[in-house]
């Protein structure tokens, strides 16, 4: 091999070495190719979800014009941007179809029907000669004609420049002006999608955007990258729809809840006094959320308008849900202001006040963990009745498949078959026998929340440092913000990610990482994403499929 005359045996050994080297260089494992299919399907699914969501938002935007004519100019601009993005996405789809067809040696028209799954089973998903020839050519002198990466880069740049142009023009027209902060944030988002290469050199080749995304990559990777560009553009479309609709006052309130309300000056009267109350219909909107309306306790209109801080009351079905522990008996007062957003983005302030009397309770039932019950797990409860020993207090309950178990004096454990409502009656043992201590008390029974993946002590973090990932040995699960004691168990894991530029997948049973799964999490390339799919069993026995994507950063 080094020169000179070789024996037949030496020649045979040299030939075998060359063949083995070529096989190792060309080999792309079936598992890696399947990984391309899995990642691509996830990207395509995200794209379709974004398209469906954008369609719903656009329809809602259009309907809002009837009650808010000022939204029409923003709606027209939204349609203009949507059309620009849609045309570019269609062009990228044509690239994908054309490259797939040529790679498989089929007519161009067949590209629309090809999928990576088909290529994995029947075609050449690992083929990289044709994609490279079409999109790049030679890295030292990239091709620039039709179907080239240079042409695609130009189309994307033209789209993004056009979108910024639309936004700049909107800022000069009072009818379509965006809030400055929204404009700057949206423009930054647009510019972040510009096709820019790293400029790094590999094997003497300076890497530009096209080379990094398409050069010498198999069809599976090229298809994934093209679909990711489309998904990014659809995400941009969703963000622009949100900003345009918000600026137009699209979220002007449509009242869809009308209920009867009774308001009395006092809910406590003495015998012989008249009871007075105002009875009327009240309208609200189930779509109201923080930002559209705020119920602020402890400030007046002037204070709220000046940015004064108060206690923000949560909104439930468009109504402020004020709840406070009553404390000691006596007269209680409260006041505040409702901050309401007008369609033009300005605010109005409506003051309110109220009072109530607290008397010693006759009977009470309290959920020891939270203000609601949950189906599928034990719910500890404490029952009490005024003037009666805890040992002489008992409860009965019905609804939501409830089962009651006594756990001591005044202590009970309730288990439920499913969500709904539960009525609890407190009874006390007196000299006249066991008697109910007041009317039944109603509780809501809810299903347990869906769990999320927990990594390194964080719930579904969007990104983690390599130093943090390097010490992760297991994946946990739980429900963020859920204070109830509930045991979620990870039953299996599937992990996909890039390690040293190679796409890998790994599976393991239970929550502990092992094998390829641990290699991916601890060795993921900086800037790449780790995709984790987990099967998680809840305390109620239900199995949840939960996914998370984590970006590895320095």
Protein backbone atom coordinates (compact mmCIF):
# COMPACT_ATOMS: atom_id res chain seq x y z
CA UNK A 1 0.00 0.00 0.00
CA UNK A 2 2.96 2.33 0.64
CA UNK A 3 4.64 1.66 -2.72
CA UNK A 4 6.88 -1.03 -4.23
CA UNK A 5 5.93 -4.46 -5.47
CA UNK A 6 3.09 -6.11 -3.45
CA UNK A 7 2.42 -9.79 -3.03
CA UNK A 8 -1.00 -11.18 -4.08
CA UNK A 9 -1.89 -11.52 -0.40
CA UNK A 10 -0.99 -7.87 0.28
CA UNK A 11 -3.09 -6.77 -2.69
CA UNK A 12 -6.07 -8.80 -1.39
CA UNK A 13 -5.75 -7.30 2.10
CA UNK A 14 -5.53 -3.79 0.67
CA UNK A 15 -8.64 -4.32 -1.47
CA UNK A 16 -10.60 -5.65 1.52
CA UNK A 17 -9.54 -2.60 3.56
CA UNK A 18 -10.75 -0.21 0.86
CA UNK A 19 -14.11 -1.99 0.57
CA UNK A 20 -14.62 -1.98 4.36
CA UNK A 21 -13.73 1.72 4.58
CA UNK A 22 -16.22 2.57 1.83
CA UNK A 23 -18.99 0.56 3.50
CA UNK A 24 -18.40 2.25 6.84
CA UNK A 25 -18.39 5.70 5.22
CA UNK A 26 -21.63 5.08 3.33
CA UNK A 27 -23.55 3.31 6.04
CA UNK A 28 -26.54 5.19 7.51
CA UNK A 29 -28.30 3.06 10.07
CA UNK A 30 -31.97 2.22 9.78
CA UNK A 31 -32.53 3.74 13.21
CA UNK A 32 -31.12 7.13 12.16
CA UNK A 33 -33.24 7.14 9.01
CA UNK A 34 -36.32 6.33 11.09
CA UNK A 35 -35.33 9.28 13.28
CA UNK A 36 -35.59 11.60 10.27
CA UNK A 37 -39.10 10.28 9.63
CA UNK A 38 -40.13 10.81 13.27
CA UNK A 39 -38.75 14.35 13.45
CA UNK A 40 -40.26 15.26 10.09
CA UNK A 41 -43.70 13.99 11.11
CA UNK A 42 -43.49 16.08 14.31
CA UNK A 43 -42.56 19.20 12.32
CA UNK A 44 -45.35 18.60 9.78
CA UNK A 45 -47.85 18.07 12.60
CA UNK A 46 -46.79 21.38 14.20
CA UNK A 47 -47.21 23.08 10.83
CA UNK A 48 -50.74 21.73 10.40
CA UNK A 49 -51.67 22.72 13.96
CA UNK A 50 -50.44 26.24 13.29
CA UNK A 51 -52.39 26.39 10.03
CA UNK A 52 -55.60 25.29 11.78
CA UNK A 53 -55.08 27.80 14.59
CA UNK A 54 -54.32 30.62 12.14
CA UNK A 55 -57.50 29.82 10.24
CA UNK A 56 -59.59 30.03 13.42
CA UNK A 57 -57.97 33.31 14.47
CA UNK A 58 -58.52 34.79 11.00
CA UNK A 59 -62.20 33.81 11.05
CA UNK A 60 -62.63 35.34 14.52
CA UNK A 61 -60.80 38.46 13.31
CA UNK A 62 -63.20 38.78 10.37
CA UNK A 63 -66.28 38.33 12.56
CA UNK A 64 -65.03 41.03 14.95
CA UNK A 65 -65.26 43.65 12.20
CA UNK A 66 -69.07 43.66 12.51
CA UNK A 67 -68.86 45.00 16.07
CA UNK A 68 -65.66 46.97 15.58
CA UNK A 69 -65.27 48.65 12.15
CA UNK A 70 -61.85 49.93 13.22
CA UNK A 71 -60.55 46.35 12.92
CA UNK A 72 -61.08 46.27 9.13
CA UNK A 73 -57.76 47.99 8.14
CA UNK A 74 -55.78 45.66 10.41
CA UNK A 75 -57.65 42.66 9.00
CA UNK A 76 -56.76 43.69 5.44
CA UNK A 77 -53.08 43.95 6.38
CA UNK A 78 -53.25 40.56 8.08
CA UNK A 79 -54.64 39.02 4.88
CA UNK A 80 -51.88 40.70 2.86
CA UNK A 81 -49.16 39.22 5.06
CA UNK A 82 -50.89 35.81 5.13
CA UNK A 83 -50.95 35.71 1.33
CA UNK A 84 -47.23 36.56 1.14
CA UNK A 85 -46.35 33.81 3.64
CA UNK A 86 -48.68 31.30 1.96
CA UNK A 87 -47.09 31.88 -1.47
CA UNK A 88 -43.58 31.38 -0.09
CA UNK A 89 -44.64 28.20 1.76
CA UNK A 90 -46.12 26.86 -1.48
CA UNK A 91 -42.80 27.56 -3.22
CA UNK A 92 -40.90 25.66 -0.52
CA UNK A 93 -43.35 22.74 -0.89
CA UNK A 94 -42.52 22.70 -4.60
CA UNK A 95 -38.81 22.44 -3.76
CA UNK A 96 -39.51 19.49 -1.49
CA UNK A 97 -41.67 17.72 -4.08
CA UNK A 98 -39.20 18.32 -6.94
CA UNK A 99 -36.16 17.14 -4.97
CA UNK A 100 -38.01 14.02 -3.71
CA UNK A 101 -39.10 13.07 -7.23
CA UNK A 102 -35.63 13.54 -8.76
CA UNK A 103 -33.98 11.68 -5.86
CA UNK A 104 -36.31 8.70 -6.40
CA UNK A 105 -35.92 8.79 -10.19
CA UNK A 106 -39.63 9.55 -10.69
CA UNK A 107 -41.47 12.18 -12.77
CA UNK A 108 -41.73 15.61 -11.17
CA UNK A 109 -45.51 15.28 -10.79
CA UNK A 110 -45.01 12.30 -8.47
CA UNK A 111 -43.23 14.42 -5.86
CA UNK A 112 -46.50 15.72 -4.36
CA UNK A 113 -47.47 12.22 -3.30
CA UNK A 114 -44.11 11.09 -1.89
CA UNK A 115 -43.46 10.90 1.84
CA UNK A 116 -40.39 10.08 3.92
CA UNK A 117 -42.13 6.95 5.19
CA UNK A 118 -42.45 5.75 1.60
CA UNK A 119 -38.83 6.61 0.85
CA UNK A 120 -37.70 4.80 4.00
CA UNK A 121 -39.47 1.63 2.93
CA UNK A 122 -39.32 1.75 -0.85
CA UNK A 123 -36.95 4.49 -1.94
CA UNK A 124 -33.73 6.31 -1.21
CA UNK A 125 -34.24 8.32 1.95
CA UNK A 126 -30.46 8.20 2.47
CA UNK A 127 -29.72 9.61 -1.00
CA UNK A 128 -27.74 12.84 -0.86
CA UNK A 129 -26.23 13.14 -4.35
CA UNK A 130 -29.33 14.55 -6.06
CA UNK A 131 -30.38 16.95 -3.26
CA UNK A 132 -26.82 18.30 -3.13
CA UNK A 133 -26.54 18.56 -6.94
CA UNK A 134 -29.87 20.42 -7.23
CA UNK A 135 -29.56 22.78 -4.27
CA UNK A 136 -25.81 23.38 -3.92
CA UNK A 137 -23.66 21.91 -6.65
CA UNK A 138 -20.08 22.57 -5.60
CA UNK A 139 -19.74 24.52 -2.30
CA UNK A 140 -16.84 26.53 -3.76
CA UNK A 141 -19.13 27.76 -6.57
CA UNK A 142 -22.79 27.12 -5.57
CA UNK A 143 -25.41 26.89 -8.29
CA UNK A 144 -27.77 29.85 -8.62
CA UNK A 145 -30.50 28.76 -11.02
CA UNK A 146 -33.97 27.31 -10.57
CA UNK A 147 -34.40 24.97 -7.55
CA UNK A 148 -31.09 26.11 -6.06
CA UNK A 149 -30.59 27.00 -2.40
CA UNK A 150 -29.52 30.46 -3.53
CA UNK A 151 -32.89 30.95 -5.26
CA UNK A 152 -34.72 29.70 -2.14
CA UNK A 153 -32.67 32.01 0.08
CA UNK A 154 -33.67 34.91 -2.16
CA UNK A 155 -37.37 34.02 -1.93
CA UNK A 156 -37.23 33.91 1.88
CA UNK A 157 -35.31 37.20 2.08
CA UNK A 158 -37.80 38.81 -0.30
CA UNK A 159 -40.71 37.62 1.88
CA UNK A 160 -39.20 38.92 5.12
CA UNK A 161 -38.27 42.26 3.54
CA UNK A 162 -41.82 42.55 2.21
CA UNK A 163 -43.33 41.86 5.64
CA UNK A 164 -41.15 44.52 7.28
CA UNK A 165 -42.22 46.91 4.52
CA UNK A 166 -45.89 46.27 5.32
CA UNK A 167 -45.26 46.86 9.02
CA UNK A 168 -43.31 50.08 8.38
CA UNK A 169 -46.13 51.38 6.20
CA UNK A 170 -48.67 50.51 8.90
CA UNK A 171 -46.77 52.68 11.38
CA UNK A 172 -47.32 55.75 9.18
CA UNK A 173 -51.12 55.31 9.13
CA UNK A 174 -53.11 56.03 12.35
CA UNK A 175 -55.70 53.46 11.21
CA UNK A 176 -53.17 50.61 11.25
CA UNK A 177 -50.51 51.73 13.71
CA UNK A 178 -49.11 49.06 16.02
CA UNK A 179 -48.04 49.60 19.61
CA UNK A 180 -44.30 50.50 19.53
CA UNK A 181 -43.30 47.60 21.77
CA UNK A 182 -45.33 45.15 19.66
CA UNK A 183 -43.86 46.57 16.45
CA UNK A 184 -40.27 46.21 17.68
CA UNK A 185 -40.84 42.69 19.04
CA UNK A 186 -42.54 41.57 15.81
CA UNK A 187 -39.84 43.08 13.62
CA UNK A 188 -37.19 41.30 15.69
CA UNK A 189 -39.07 38.03 15.17
CA UNK A 190 -39.17 38.60 11.40
CA UNK A 191 -35.45 39.36 11.19
CA UNK A 192 -34.60 36.28 13.26
CA UNK A 193 -35.83 34.12 10.37
CA UNK A 194 -33.43 35.58 7.81
CA UNK A 195 -31.31 32.83 6.20
CA UNK A 196 -27.82 33.54 7.55
CA UNK A 197 -24.90 31.14 7.61
CA UNK A 198 -22.43 30.74 10.44
CA UNK A 199 -19.41 31.54 8.25
CA UNK A 200 -17.46 28.71 9.86
CA UNK A 201 -15.13 26.58 7.79
CA UNK A 202 -15.31 22.80 7.53
CA UNK A 203 -12.78 20.90 5.41
CA UNK A 204 -11.79 24.16 3.74
CA UNK A 205 -15.42 25.02 2.85
CA UNK A 206 -16.90 28.25 4.19
CA UNK A 207 -20.39 27.39 5.41
CA UNK A 208 -23.19 29.62 4.20
CA UNK A 209 -26.91 29.14 4.87
CA UNK A 210 -27.49 26.80 1.95
CA UNK A 211 -24.42 24.67 2.62
CA UNK A 212 -25.28 24.25 6.31
CA UNK A 213 -28.86 23.22 5.61
CA UNK A 214 -28.55 21.09 2.46
CA UNK A 215 -24.99 20.18 1.44
CA UNK A 216 -24.21 16.47 1.50
CA UNK A 217 -27.30 15.74 3.61
CA UNK A 218 -29.61 12.77 2.87
CA UNK A 219 -33.11 13.34 1.55
CA UNK A 220 -34.54 12.75 5.04
CA UNK A 221 -32.57 15.65 6.55
CA UNK A 222 -33.22 17.97 3.58
CA UNK A 223 -36.98 17.31 3.82
CA UNK A 224 -36.95 17.97 7.59
CA UNK A 225 -35.13 21.29 7.08
CA UNK A 226 -37.53 22.45 4.36
CA UNK A 227 -40.58 21.58 6.48
CA UNK A 228 -39.02 23.35 9.48
CA UNK A 229 -38.68 26.56 7.43
CA UNK A 230 -42.39 26.34 6.60
CA UNK A 231 -43.31 25.71 10.26
CA UNK A 232 -41.22 28.75 11.31
CA UNK A 233 -43.04 30.93 8.77
CA UNK A 234 -46.43 29.66 9.97
CA UNK A 235 -45.38 30.47 13.54
CA UNK A 236 -44.50 33.99 12.39
CA UNK A 237 -47.92 34.22 10.74
CA UNK A 238 -49.60 33.23 14.04
CA UNK A 239 -47.66 35.88 15.96
CA UNK A 240 -48.50 38.58 13.41
CA UNK A 241 -52.20 37.67 13.53
CA UNK A 242 -52.12 37.98 17.30
CA UNK A 243 -50.40 41.38 17.23
CA UNK A 244 -52.60 42.78 14.44
CA UNK A 245 -55.84 41.56 16.01
CA UNK A 246 -54.87 42.85 19.45
CA UNK A 247 -53.93 46.27 18.06
CA UNK A 248 -57.24 46.46 16.20
CA UNK A 249 -59.29 45.87 19.34
CA UNK A 250 -60.35 42.48 18.04
CA UNK A 251 -60.71 41.40 21.61
CA UNK A 252 -63.56 43.85 22.17
CA UNK A 253 -65.94 41.99 24.40
CA UNK A 254 -68.84 39.98 23.03
CA UNK A 255 -71.21 39.24 25.88
CA UNK A 256 -72.15 35.58 25.67
CA UNK A 257 -73.23 34.93 29.27
CA UNK A 258 -76.47 36.37 30.64
CA UNK A 259 -77.37 35.36 34.18
CA UNK A 260 -79.79 36.54 36.86
CA UNK A 261 -78.17 38.35 39.78
CA UNK A 262 -79.54 39.34 43.19
CA UNK A 263 -77.79 42.17 45.00
CA UNK A 264 -78.90 43.02 48.51
CA UNK A 265 -77.63 45.89 50.72
CA UNK A 266 -77.13 43.29 53.43
CA UNK A 267 -77.34 39.52 53.62
CA UNK A 268 -77.79 39.65 57.40
CA UNK A 269 -80.98 40.98 58.99
CA UNK A 270 -82.64 40.76 62.36
CA UNK A 271 -86.07 39.32 62.98
CA UNK A 272 -88.83 41.82 62.18
CA UNK A 273 -86.75 43.82 59.70
CA UNK A 274 -87.58 43.85 55.93
CA UNK A 275 -85.28 42.20 53.43
CA UNK A 276 -84.48 44.27 50.32
CA UNK A 277 -82.68 43.28 47.13
CA UNK A 278 -82.20 44.36 43.48
CA UNK A 279 -82.87 41.58 40.96
CA UNK A 280 -81.60 42.00 37.38
CA UNK A 281 -79.94 40.36 34.37
CA UNK A 282 -76.15 40.65 34.19
CA UNK A 283 -74.16 40.13 30.98
CA UNK A 284 -70.55 38.99 30.84
CA UNK A 285 -68.18 37.25 28.45
CA UNK A 286 -66.60 33.87 29.01
CA UNK A 287 -63.71 35.01 26.78
CA UNK A 288 -62.65 37.80 29.13
CA UNK A 289 -59.13 37.34 30.41
CA UNK A 290 -56.45 39.33 32.20
CA UNK A 291 -55.52 42.24 29.96
CA UNK A 292 -59.08 42.65 28.64
CA UNK A 293 -60.54 43.24 32.09
CA UNK A 294 -58.96 43.31 35.52
CA UNK A 295 -60.71 43.31 38.90
CA UNK A 296 -58.35 45.10 41.29
CA UNK A 297 -58.96 45.14 45.03
CA UNK A 298 -57.77 47.93 47.30
CA UNK A 299 -57.42 50.84 44.82
CA UNK A 300 -59.74 53.49 43.41
CA UNK A 301 -60.12 54.66 39.79
CA UNK A 302 -57.48 57.39 40.04
CA UNK A 303 -55.02 55.06 41.72
CA UNK A 304 -55.51 52.31 39.11
CA UNK A 305 -55.15 54.79 36.22
CA UNK A 306 -51.89 56.03 37.75
CA UNK A 307 -50.52 52.50 37.90
CA UNK A 308 -51.25 51.90 41.57
CA UNK A 309 -50.89 48.35 42.74
CA UNK A 310 -53.68 46.37 44.32
CA UNK A 311 -54.70 42.75 44.66
CA UNK A 312 -55.62 41.23 41.29
CA UNK A 313 -58.77 39.07 41.55
CA UNK A 314 -58.82 35.98 39.26
CA UNK A 315 -61.38 35.86 36.44
CA UNK A 316 -63.64 32.83 36.00
CA UNK A 317 -66.05 32.84 33.04
CA UNK A 318 -65.57 36.58 32.64
CA UNK A 319 -66.36 37.41 36.28
CA UNK A 320 -64.09 38.38 39.14
CA UNK A 321 -63.98 35.51 41.64
CA UNK A 322 -63.43 37.23 44.98
CA UNK A 323 -62.64 34.84 47.79
CA UNK A 324 -61.23 35.62 51.20
CA UNK A 325 -61.06 33.85 54.52
CA UNK A 326 -63.75 35.31 56.77
CA UNK A 327 -61.65 35.34 59.95
CA UNK A 328 -63.31 36.57 63.13
CA UNK A 329 -67.01 37.42 63.37
CA UNK A 330 -68.05 41.02 62.61
CA UNK A 331 -68.74 43.55 59.81
CA UNK A 332 -66.43 43.33 56.77
CA UNK A 333 -65.95 45.76 53.87
CA UNK A 334 -64.06 45.66 50.59
CA UNK A 335 -63.70 47.96 47.57
CA UNK A 336 -61.78 48.24 44.34
CA UNK A 337 -62.06 49.01 40.65
CA UNK A 338 -62.77 47.13 37.41
CA UNK A 339 -60.26 48.06 34.69
CA UNK A 340 -61.89 47.48 31.30
CA UNK A 341 -60.09 47.64 27.94
CA UNK A 342 -61.90 49.47 25.13
CA UNK A 343 -61.60 48.35 21.48
CA UNK A 344 -59.21 51.24 20.78
CA UNK A 345 -56.82 50.04 23.49
CA UNK A 346 -57.72 52.68 26.08
CA UNK A 347 -59.10 51.78 29.51
CA UNK A 348 -62.16 52.68 31.55
CA UNK A 349 -62.38 52.30 35.31
CA UNK A 350 -65.51 51.25 37.23
CA UNK A 351 -65.31 51.44 41.06
CA UNK A 352 -67.11 48.92 43.24
CA UNK A 353 -67.56 48.28 46.96
CA UNK A 354 -69.26 45.70 49.11
CA UNK A 355 -69.80 44.61 52.68
CA UNK A 356 -70.78 41.47 54.55
CA UNK A 357 -71.21 40.22 58.08
CA UNK A 358 -69.40 37.24 59.54
CA UNK A 359 -71.18 35.20 62.19
CA UNK A 360 -70.06 32.11 64.02
CA UNK A 361 -70.69 29.12 61.75
CA UNK A 362 -73.23 26.43 62.55
CA UNK A 363 -71.44 23.77 60.49
CA UNK A 364 -68.51 23.70 58.11
CA UNK A 365 -66.71 21.36 55.76
CA UNK A 366 -63.22 22.20 54.54
CA UNK A 367 -61.08 20.39 51.98
CA UNK A 368 -57.73 20.16 53.73
CA UNK A 369 -55.62 20.38 50.54
CA UNK A 370 -57.44 22.76 48.16
CA UNK A 371 -60.82 24.44 47.56
CA UNK A 372 -61.91 21.64 45.21
CA UNK A 373 -61.86 17.86 45.23
CA UNK A 374 -60.04 15.70 42.67
CA UNK A 375 -61.18 12.37 41.27
CA UNK A 376 -58.74 9.47 41.44
CA UNK A 377 -56.89 10.40 44.64
CA UNK A 378 -57.80 10.54 48.37
CA UNK A 379 -59.19 13.93 49.45
CA UNK A 380 -58.73 14.73 53.17
CA UNK A 381 -61.64 16.64 54.71
CA UNK A 382 -62.30 18.25 58.08
CA UNK A 383 -65.92 18.68 59.29
CA UNK A 384 -67.07 20.76 62.27
CA UNK A 385 -70.30 21.97 63.84
CA UNK A 386 -70.65 24.80 66.35
CA UNK A 387 -71.16 23.60 69.91
CA UNK A 388 -70.64 19.92 69.04
CA UNK A 389 -67.57 17.85 69.84
CA UNK A 390 -65.61 16.66 66.76
CA UNK A 391 -66.17 13.09 67.94
CA UNK A 392 -69.96 13.63 67.62
CA UNK A 393 -69.79 15.12 64.12
CA UNK A 394 -70.48 12.96 61.07
CA UNK A 395 -70.88 13.63 57.36
CA UNK A 396 -72.76 12.06 54.48
CA UNK A 397 -72.08 12.76 50.83
CA UNK A 398 -73.47 11.99 47.39
CA UNK A 399 -72.54 12.79 43.81
CA UNK A 400 -69.51 12.13 41.54
CA UNK A 401 -69.30 8.51 42.74
CA UNK A 402 -68.12 9.57 46.20
CA UNK A 403 -66.90 7.11 48.83
CA UNK A 404 -66.45 8.36 52.41
CA UNK A 405 -64.01 6.88 54.92
CA UNK A 406 -63.70 8.12 58.53
CA UNK A 407 -60.13 8.92 59.62
CA UNK A 408 -60.67 10.20 63.17
CA UNK A 409 -62.69 12.79 65.08
CA UNK A 410 -64.01 15.20 62.46
CA UNK A 411 -61.57 13.84 59.86
CA UNK A 412 -62.60 12.06 56.66
CA UNK A 413 -61.17 10.89 53.38
CA UNK A 414 -63.24 11.20 50.21
CA UNK A 415 -62.58 9.34 46.98
CA UNK A 416 -64.46 10.02 43.74
CA UNK A 417 -65.24 7.98 40.66
CA UNK A 418 -65.07 10.99 38.34
CA UNK A 419 -65.60 14.76 38.00
CA UNK A 420 -68.88 16.51 38.83
CA UNK A 421 -70.47 17.97 41.94
CA UNK A 422 -70.63 16.57 45.44
CA UNK A 423 -73.10 17.55 48.17
CA UNK A 424 -71.90 17.08 51.75
CA UNK A 425 -74.22 17.18 54.76
CA UNK A 426 -72.81 17.70 58.26
CA UNK A 427 -74.73 16.05 61.10
CA UNK A 428 -74.20 16.27 64.84
CA UNK A 429 -75.13 14.02 67.72
CA UNK A 430 -77.31 15.98 70.14
CA UNK A 431 -79.58 15.11 73.08
CA UNK A 432 -82.44 14.90 70.57
CA UNK A 433 -80.56 12.49 68.28
CA UNK A 434 -78.45 12.93 65.18
CA UNK A 435 -79.55 16.02 63.22
CA UNK A 436 -78.30 17.86 60.14
CA UNK A 437 -76.42 21.04 61.02
CA UNK A 438 -77.54 23.23 58.14
CA UNK A 439 -78.17 22.62 54.44
CA UNK A 440 -75.89 20.44 52.24
CA UNK A 441 -72.65 22.09 51.13
CA UNK A 442 -71.67 21.84 47.46
CA UNK A 443 -68.15 21.12 46.24
CA UNK A 444 -66.75 20.81 42.73
CA UNK A 445 -64.96 17.60 41.79
CA UNK A 446 -62.37 17.95 39.03
CA UNK A 447 -60.20 15.53 37.07
CA UNK A 448 -56.50 15.51 37.85
CA UNK A 449 -54.47 17.87 35.64
CA UNK A 450 -52.43 16.46 32.77
CA UNK A 451 -48.80 15.99 33.81
CA UNK A 452 -45.71 17.57 32.30
CA UNK A 453 -42.20 16.24 31.94
CA UNK A 454 -39.79 17.46 34.63
CA UNK A 455 -36.05 17.60 33.89
CA UNK A 456 -33.35 18.84 36.22
CA UNK A 457 -36.01 20.10 38.63
CA UNK A 458 -37.75 22.14 35.91
CA UNK A 459 -41.10 21.55 34.23
CA UNK A 460 -40.77 21.28 30.42
CA UNK A 461 -37.92 23.84 30.17
CA UNK A 462 -37.60 25.29 26.64
CA UNK A 463 -33.81 25.24 26.97
CA UNK A 464 -31.12 23.98 29.33
CA UNK A 465 -27.38 24.51 29.63
CA UNK A 466 -25.08 21.69 28.60
CA UNK A 467 -23.70 21.69 32.15
CA UNK A 468 -27.21 21.04 33.49
CA UNK A 469 -27.96 18.33 30.93
CA UNK A 470 -24.67 16.57 31.66
CA UNK A 471 -25.85 15.55 35.13
CA UNK A 472 -29.42 14.53 34.24
CA UNK A 473 -29.94 10.85 34.95
CA UNK A 474 -33.73 10.59 35.02
CA UNK A 475 -36.92 12.25 33.81
CA UNK A 476 -39.64 13.09 36.31
CA UNK A 477 -43.26 14.12 35.96
CA UNK A 478 -45.79 16.23 37.78
CA UNK A 479 -48.38 18.95 37.42
CA UNK A 480 -46.89 22.48 37.70
CA UNK A 481 -48.72 24.76 40.09
CA UNK A 482 -50.71 21.81 41.45
CA UNK A 483 -50.37 21.66 45.24
CA UNK A 484 -52.29 18.43 45.77
CA UNK A 485 -50.29 15.36 46.70
CA UNK A 486 -50.41 13.28 43.51
CA UNK A 487 -47.91 10.68 42.33
CA UNK A 488 -47.22 10.69 38.58
CA UNK A 489 -45.03 7.81 37.39
CA UNK A 490 -42.95 7.83 34.19
CA UNK A 491 -43.37 4.41 32.58
CA UNK A 492 -41.32 4.77 29.40
CA UNK A 493 -39.26 7.30 27.45
CA UNK A 494 -38.30 7.89 23.83
CA UNK A 495 -35.57 10.45 23.18
CA UNK A 496 -34.47 11.97 19.85
CA UNK A 497 -31.58 14.40 19.38
CA UNK A 498 -28.32 15.25 17.65
CA UNK A 499 -24.97 14.17 19.08
CA UNK A 500 -21.86 15.30 17.20
CA UNK A 501 -24.02 16.11 14.18
CA UNK A 502 -25.60 12.65 14.14
CA UNK A 503 -29.33 12.23 14.76
CA UNK A 504 -29.93 9.55 17.40
CA UNK A 505 -32.93 7.95 19.07
CA UNK A 506 -33.08 6.07 22.32
CA UNK A 507 -35.77 4.34 24.32
CA UNK A 508 -35.92 3.15 27.90
CA UNK A 509 -38.42 1.83 30.41
CA UNK A 510 -39.14 3.75 33.57
CA UNK A 511 -37.88 7.22 34.39
CA UNK A 512 -34.14 6.53 34.48
CA UNK A 513 -32.11 7.38 31.39
CA UNK A 514 -29.95 4.65 29.94
CA UNK A 515 -28.07 3.76 26.78
CA UNK A 516 -28.64 6.01 23.76
CA UNK A 517 -31.28 8.02 25.65
CA UNK A 518 -28.70 9.10 28.24
CA UNK A 519 -26.09 9.71 25.50
CA UNK A 520 -28.48 12.07 23.70
CA UNK A 521 -29.47 14.06 26.81
CA UNK A 522 -25.93 14.42 28.13
CA UNK A 523 -24.16 14.86 24.79
CA UNK A 524 -26.63 16.85 22.67
CA UNK A 525 -25.05 19.36 20.29
CA UNK A 526 -25.23 23.00 21.37
CA UNK A 527 -28.13 24.71 19.58
CA UNK A 528 -29.91 21.44 18.80
CA UNK A 529 -33.16 20.26 20.31
CA UNK A 530 -33.79 17.16 22.37
CA UNK A 531 -37.27 15.70 21.83
CA UNK A 532 -38.64 13.58 24.68
CA UNK A 533 -41.84 11.53 24.44
CA UNK A 534 -42.98 9.98 27.71
CA UNK A 535 -45.75 7.66 28.83
CA UNK A 536 -46.85 8.82 32.29
CA UNK A 537 -49.26 7.06 34.63
CA UNK A 538 -51.35 9.30 36.87
CA UNK A 539 -52.58 8.52 40.40
CA UNK A 540 -55.98 7.68 38.89
CA UNK A 541 -54.46 5.01 36.65
CA UNK A 542 -54.78 7.00 33.42
CA UNK A 543 -51.88 6.87 30.97
CA UNK A 544 -50.83 10.21 29.45
CA UNK A 545 -48.65 10.72 26.37
CA UNK A 546 -46.53 13.81 27.02
CA UNK A 547 -43.96 15.42 24.71
CA UNK A 548 -41.33 18.09 25.33
CA UNK A 549 -38.61 19.77 23.30
CA UNK A 550 -35.50 21.14 25.03
CA UNK A 551 -32.82 23.23 23.32
CA UNK A 552 -29.26 22.55 24.46
CA UNK A 553 -27.36 25.82 25.05
CA UNK A 554 -23.91 26.74 26.28
